[in-house]
Amino acid sequence: MEVTALCFTPLMLIILGAHVQNNEAAFRIVPTRLQLFEKESVSFHCEGLDGSTQLRGIRDAGEFISTCSEKTPVLYCTIKRAYSGDSGDYWCEADGGERSHSVTISVNAGSVILESPVLPVRDGSAVTLNCRNKTTTSSILSADFYKDGRLIRSSSTGNITIQRVSKSDEGLYKCSIFEGGESPESWLAVRAVHRETCPSSDHSLHVLLVLRTVFTVVMVALLLLLVGLLHCGKLRVTQK
């Protein structure tokens, strides 16, 4: 029971983490990337909110409320041909005002996009960024990658992997291809993970032994004190 109590906080963190992941799963997009070529289709899937749900957005072409909303807790909506005016923030919203997280989609009229994670990535995980050219499918693709406007790495394969990401890796990323153009910028979000480890079993056992010893000493002292008081009381009664 003692070990269970000591590990209660990490267990609660795991439960809370699962709850956060469930909230994020309430809003999904297909394809699972934040940047699109013009005339590509994109589908939004809303689920897990209370009440009837709508797809809403604030985009370059103005505020967006989906015409494909259904009066159910589940919504599946598709923009069959996306254009640059469809770029913007999208989210799911229920009648009661409950909202999912939002995603920022960029529709590029050019030939280069950056494929990056849609959802925030966990601190310590690996993230791959892929620079994609609309006009070629070759795996040999020289690309430069930028973070917050600064060149961070060049690649001959068109992709880079950031090992063990941290909050310092959070920022705006883009890529460029020689004679191919440049992608829009997309925000890479990193979610911090609170780490709290359980004490080792040896340490826990040591603490318990110390506490038991202290408790035993205190109880013996109290018992001796009580016996002494009773004995003194008897002596006084005898003397009287």
Protein backbone atom coordinates (compact mmCIF):
# COMPACT_ATOMS: atom_id res chain seq x y z
CA MET A 1 0.00 0.00 0.00
CA GLU A 2 2.87 2.37 0.78
CA VAL A 3 4.42 1.95 -2.69
CA THR A 4 1.04 2.52 -4.30
CA ALA A 5 0.63 5.77 -2.39
CA LEU A 6 4.08 6.98 -3.40
CA CYS A 7 3.35 6.26 -7.06
CA PHE A 8 -0.09 7.91 -7.04
CA THR A 9 1.11 11.22 -8.54
CA PRO A 10 2.73 9.66 -11.65
CA LEU A 11 -0.39 7.53 -12.10
CA MET A 12 -2.53 10.67 -12.08
CA LEU A 13 -0.20 12.25 -14.66
CA ILE A 14 -0.66 9.26 -16.93
CA ILE A 15 -4.45 9.51 -16.59
CA LEU A 16 -4.37 13.24 -17.29
CA GLY A 17 -2.10 12.66 -20.29
CA ALA A 18 -4.56 10.16 -21.69
CA HIS A 19 -7.36 12.69 -21.21
CA VAL A 20 -5.39 15.34 -23.13
CA GLN A 21 -4.71 12.89 -25.96
CA ASN A 22 -8.42 12.07 -26.13
CA ASN A 23 -9.23 15.77 -26.48
CA GLU A 24 -6.72 16.11 -29.29
CA ALA A 25 -8.17 13.06 -31.03
CA ALA A 26 -11.53 14.88 -31.18
CA PHE A 27 -10.25 16.85 -34.18
CA ARG A 28 -8.35 15.16 -37.01
CA ILE A 29 -7.47 16.19 -40.54
CA VAL A 30 -6.66 14.07 -43.61
CA PRO A 31 -4.04 14.25 -45.00
CA THR A 32 -2.25 14.59 -41.67
CA ARG A 33 -0.19 17.67 -42.51
CA LEU A 34 -0.57 21.41 -42.10
CA GLN A 35 0.35 22.41 -45.65
CA LEU A 36 -1.45 21.60 -48.90
CA PHE A 37 -0.96 22.20 -52.58
CA GLU A 38 -3.70 24.13 -54.33
CA LYS A 39 -6.59 21.98 -55.57
CA GLU A 40 -5.80 19.25 -53.03
CA SER A 41 -8.68 18.01 -50.90
CA VAL A 42 -8.67 18.10 -47.12
CA SER A 43 -11.08 16.37 -44.73
CA PHE A 44 -11.91 17.36 -41.16
CA HIS A 45 -13.19 14.86 -38.61
CA CYS A 46 -14.80 16.16 -35.42
CA GLU A 47 -15.74 13.81 -32.62
CA GLY A 48 -16.00 13.73 -28.84
CA LEU A 49 -17.69 17.08 -28.19
CA ASP A 50 -21.04 17.34 -26.41
CA GLY A 51 -24.00 18.28 -28.59
CA SER A 52 -24.21 18.97 -32.30
CA THR A 53 -20.89 19.98 -33.85
CA GLN A 54 -19.77 22.43 -36.51
CA LEU A 55 -16.47 22.96 -38.29
CA ARG A 56 -15.47 26.59 -37.89
CA GLY A 57 -12.52 28.62 -39.04
CA ILE A 58 -10.93 32.01 -39.53
CA ARG A 59 -9.23 31.94 -42.92
CA ASP A 60 -7.76 34.40 -45.39
CA ALA A 61 -11.06 34.49 -47.29
CA GLY A 62 -13.01 35.36 -44.12
CA GLU A 63 -14.79 33.56 -41.30
CA PHE A 64 -15.77 30.00 -42.14
CA ILE A 65 -18.69 27.93 -40.88
CA SER A 66 -19.08 24.58 -42.59
CA THR A 67 -22.21 23.93 -44.62
CA CYS A 68 -21.64 20.21 -44.16
CA SER A 69 -22.22 20.26 -40.40
CA GLU A 70 -24.48 17.55 -39.04
CA LYS A 71 -26.71 17.77 -36.00
CA THR A 72 -24.82 14.94 -34.33
CA PRO A 73 -21.75 14.75 -32.06
CA VAL A 74 -19.76 13.45 -35.07
CA LEU A 75 -18.90 15.54 -38.12
CA TYR A 76 -16.99 14.65 -41.27
CA CYS A 77 -16.42 17.56 -43.64
CA THR A 78 -14.35 17.81 -46.83
CA ILE A 79 -13.06 20.74 -48.85
CA LYS A 80 -12.72 19.09 -52.24
CA ARG A 81 -10.49 21.73 -53.82
CA ALA A 82 -8.49 23.92 -51.47
CA TYR A 83 -7.11 27.27 -52.58
CA SER A 84 -4.84 29.84 -50.95
CA GLY A 85 -7.92 31.66 -49.64
CA ASP A 86 -8.73 28.56 -47.57
CA SER A 87 -5.55 29.03 -45.52
CA GLY A 88 -6.26 29.78 -41.87
CA ASP A 89 -7.23 28.36 -38.48
CA TYR A 90 -9.83 25.59 -38.19
CA TRP A 91 -11.46 23.93 -35.20
CA CYS A 92 -14.53 21.98 -34.11
CA GLU A 93 -17.15 23.71 -31.98
CA ALA A 94 -20.25 22.36 -30.27
CA ASP A 95 -23.51 24.24 -29.71
CA GLY A 96 -22.65 24.76 -26.06
CA GLY A 97 -19.41 26.55 -26.96
CA GLU A 98 -17.04 23.63 -26.27
CA ARG A 99 -14.13 23.72 -28.70
CA SER A 100 -11.40 21.38 -29.83
CA HIS A 101 -7.82 22.53 -30.35
CA SER A 102 -7.27 24.46 -33.59
CA VAL A 103 -4.94 23.78 -36.51
CA THR A 104 -3.42 26.32 -38.87
CA ILE A 105 -3.54 25.16 -42.49
CA SER A 106 -1.54 26.77 -45.30
CA VAL A 107 -2.51 26.19 -48.94
CA ASN A 108 0.41 26.96 -51.25
CA ALA A 109 -0.08 27.99 -54.86
CA GLY A 110 3.59 27.17 -55.45
CA SER A 111 5.25 23.79 -55.83
CA VAL A 112 6.87 23.28 -52.40
CA ILE A 113 5.31 22.41 -49.04
CA LEU A 114 6.67 21.32 -45.66
CA GLU A 115 5.20 18.20 -44.08
CA SER A 116 5.23 18.59 -40.29
CA PRO A 117 3.22 17.19 -37.34
CA VAL A 118 -0.36 18.40 -36.99
CA LEU A 119 -0.53 17.96 -33.20
CA PRO A 120 1.98 19.10 -30.57
CA VAL A 121 4.81 16.59 -30.21
CA ARG A 122 5.89 15.22 -26.85
CA ASP A 123 9.08 16.49 -25.29
CA GLY A 124 11.87 13.95 -25.90
CA SER A 125 10.36 12.33 -29.00
CA ALA A 126 11.80 12.35 -32.54
CA VAL A 127 10.25 14.52 -35.26
CA THR A 128 10.76 14.25 -39.02
CA LEU A 129 10.22 17.24 -41.31
CA ASN A 130 9.80 16.50 -45.00
CA CYS A 131 10.19 18.99 -47.85
CA ARG A 132 7.93 18.00 -50.72
CA ASN A 133 8.06 19.15 -54.35
CA LYS A 134 4.83 18.94 -56.32
CA THR A 135 6.63 18.44 -59.62
CA THR A 136 8.84 15.49 -58.65
CA THR A 137 8.63 12.22 -56.72
CA SER A 138 12.39 11.64 -56.62
CA SER A 139 13.88 10.63 -53.28
CA ILE A 140 16.98 12.67 -54.12
CA LEU A 141 15.91 16.18 -53.25
CA SER A 142 18.29 18.82 -51.95
CA ALA A 143 16.49 21.05 -49.49
CA ASP A 144 17.32 23.69 -46.91
CA PHE A 145 15.38 23.85 -43.66
CA TYR A 146 14.78 27.02 -41.66
CA LYS A 147 13.58 27.74 -38.13
CA ASP A 148 12.32 31.23 -37.34
CA GLY A 149 13.92 32.48 -40.56
CA ARG A 150 17.39 31.01 -39.87
CA LEU A 151 18.95 28.15 -41.82
CA ILE A 152 19.34 25.18 -39.47
CA ARG A 153 20.20 22.28 -41.77
CA SER A 154 20.55 21.14 -45.38
CA SER A 155 19.56 17.71 -46.64
CA SER A 156 20.13 15.73 -49.83
CA THR A 157 17.12 13.50 -49.13
CA GLY A 158 14.53 16.22 -48.64
CA ASN A 159 13.92 15.50 -44.95
CA ILE A 160 15.51 15.99 -41.56
CA THR A 161 14.89 14.37 -38.18
CA ILE A 162 15.12 16.24 -34.90
CA GLN A 163 16.05 13.75 -32.20
CA ARG A 164 14.68 14.28 -28.70
CA VAL A 165 12.85 17.54 -29.30
CA SER A 166 12.53 20.06 -26.48
CA LYS A 167 10.75 23.37 -25.96
CA SER A 168 13.74 25.12 -27.53
CA ASP A 169 12.87 23.41 -30.85
CA GLU A 170 9.44 25.02 -30.88
CA GLY A 171 9.00 27.61 -33.62
CA LEU A 172 8.15 28.38 -37.24
CA TYR A 173 9.67 26.01 -39.79
CA LYS A 174 9.89 26.16 -43.57
CA CYS A 175 11.97 24.61 -46.34
CA SER A 176 13.26 25.63 -49.74
CA ILE A 177 14.36 23.70 -52.81
CA PHE A 178 16.88 25.07 -55.29
CA GLU A 179 15.01 26.26 -58.39
CA GLY A 180 11.85 24.78 -56.86
CA GLY A 181 10.69 27.47 -54.50
CA GLU A 182 9.94 27.86 -50.83
CA SER A 183 7.25 26.43 -48.59
CA PRO A 184 5.04 28.46 -46.25
CA GLU A 185 5.92 28.47 -42.55
CA SER A 186 4.27 26.10 -40.09
CA TRP A 187 4.42 26.14 -36.30
CA LEU A 188 6.00 23.14 -34.58
CA ALA A 189 4.56 22.86 -31.07
CA VAL A 190 6.28 20.86 -28.32
CA ARG A 191 4.34 19.66 -25.28
CA ALA A 192 6.37 19.35 -22.10
CA VAL A 193 6.14 16.09 -20.19
CA HIS A 194 6.25 16.33 -16.40
CA ARG A 195 8.49 13.56 -15.17
CA GLU A 196 8.20 12.35 -11.58
CA THR A 197 9.67 9.02 -10.64
CA CYS A 198 8.69 6.76 -7.77
CA PRO A 199 11.25 6.29 -5.01
CA SER A 200 13.16 3.04 -5.23
CA SER A 201 11.87 0.11 -3.20
CA ASP A 202 15.08 0.08 -1.09
CA HIS A 203 14.65 3.74 -0.23
CA SER A 204 10.98 3.23 0.61
CA LEU A 205 11.83 0.28 2.84
CA HIS A 206 14.50 2.32 4.62
CA VAL A 207 12.04 5.15 5.27
CA LEU A 208 9.47 2.71 6.63
CA LEU A 209 12.01 1.10 8.96
CA VAL A 210 13.07 4.49 10.32
CA LEU A 211 9.45 5.52 10.88
CA ARG A 212 8.68 2.23 12.62
CA THR A 213 11.71 2.59 14.88
CA VAL A 214 10.78 6.17 15.82
CA PHE A 215 7.19 5.10 16.48
CA THR A 216 8.35 2.21 18.69
CA VAL A 217 10.67 4.45 20.73
CA VAL A 218 7.94 7.05 21.23
CA MET A 219 5.40 4.42 22.31
CA VAL A 220 7.85 2.84 24.78
CA ALA A 221 8.64 6.27 26.23
CA LEU A 222 4.95 7.05 26.64
CA LEU A 223 4.35 3.66 28.25
CA LEU A 224 7.20 4.19 30.74
CA LEU A 225 5.88 7.65 31.52
CA LEU A 226 2.41 6.26 32.13
CA VAL A 227 3.76 3.50 34.39
CA GLY A 228 5.80 6.06 36.30
CA LEU A 229 2.78 8.30 36.83
CA LEU A 230 0.68 5.38 38.03
CA HIS A 231 3.44 4.28 40.42
CA CYS A 232 3.78 7.79 41.85
CA GLY A 233 0.02 7.91 42.35
CA LYS A 234 0.08 4.63 44.29
CA LEU A 235 2.90 5.88 46.54
CA ARG A 236 0.95 9.02 47.40
CA VAL A 237 -2.15 7.00 48.22
CA THR A 238 -0.08 4.66 50.47
CA GLN A 239 1.56 7.58 52.32
CA LYS A 240 -1.85 9.09 53.06
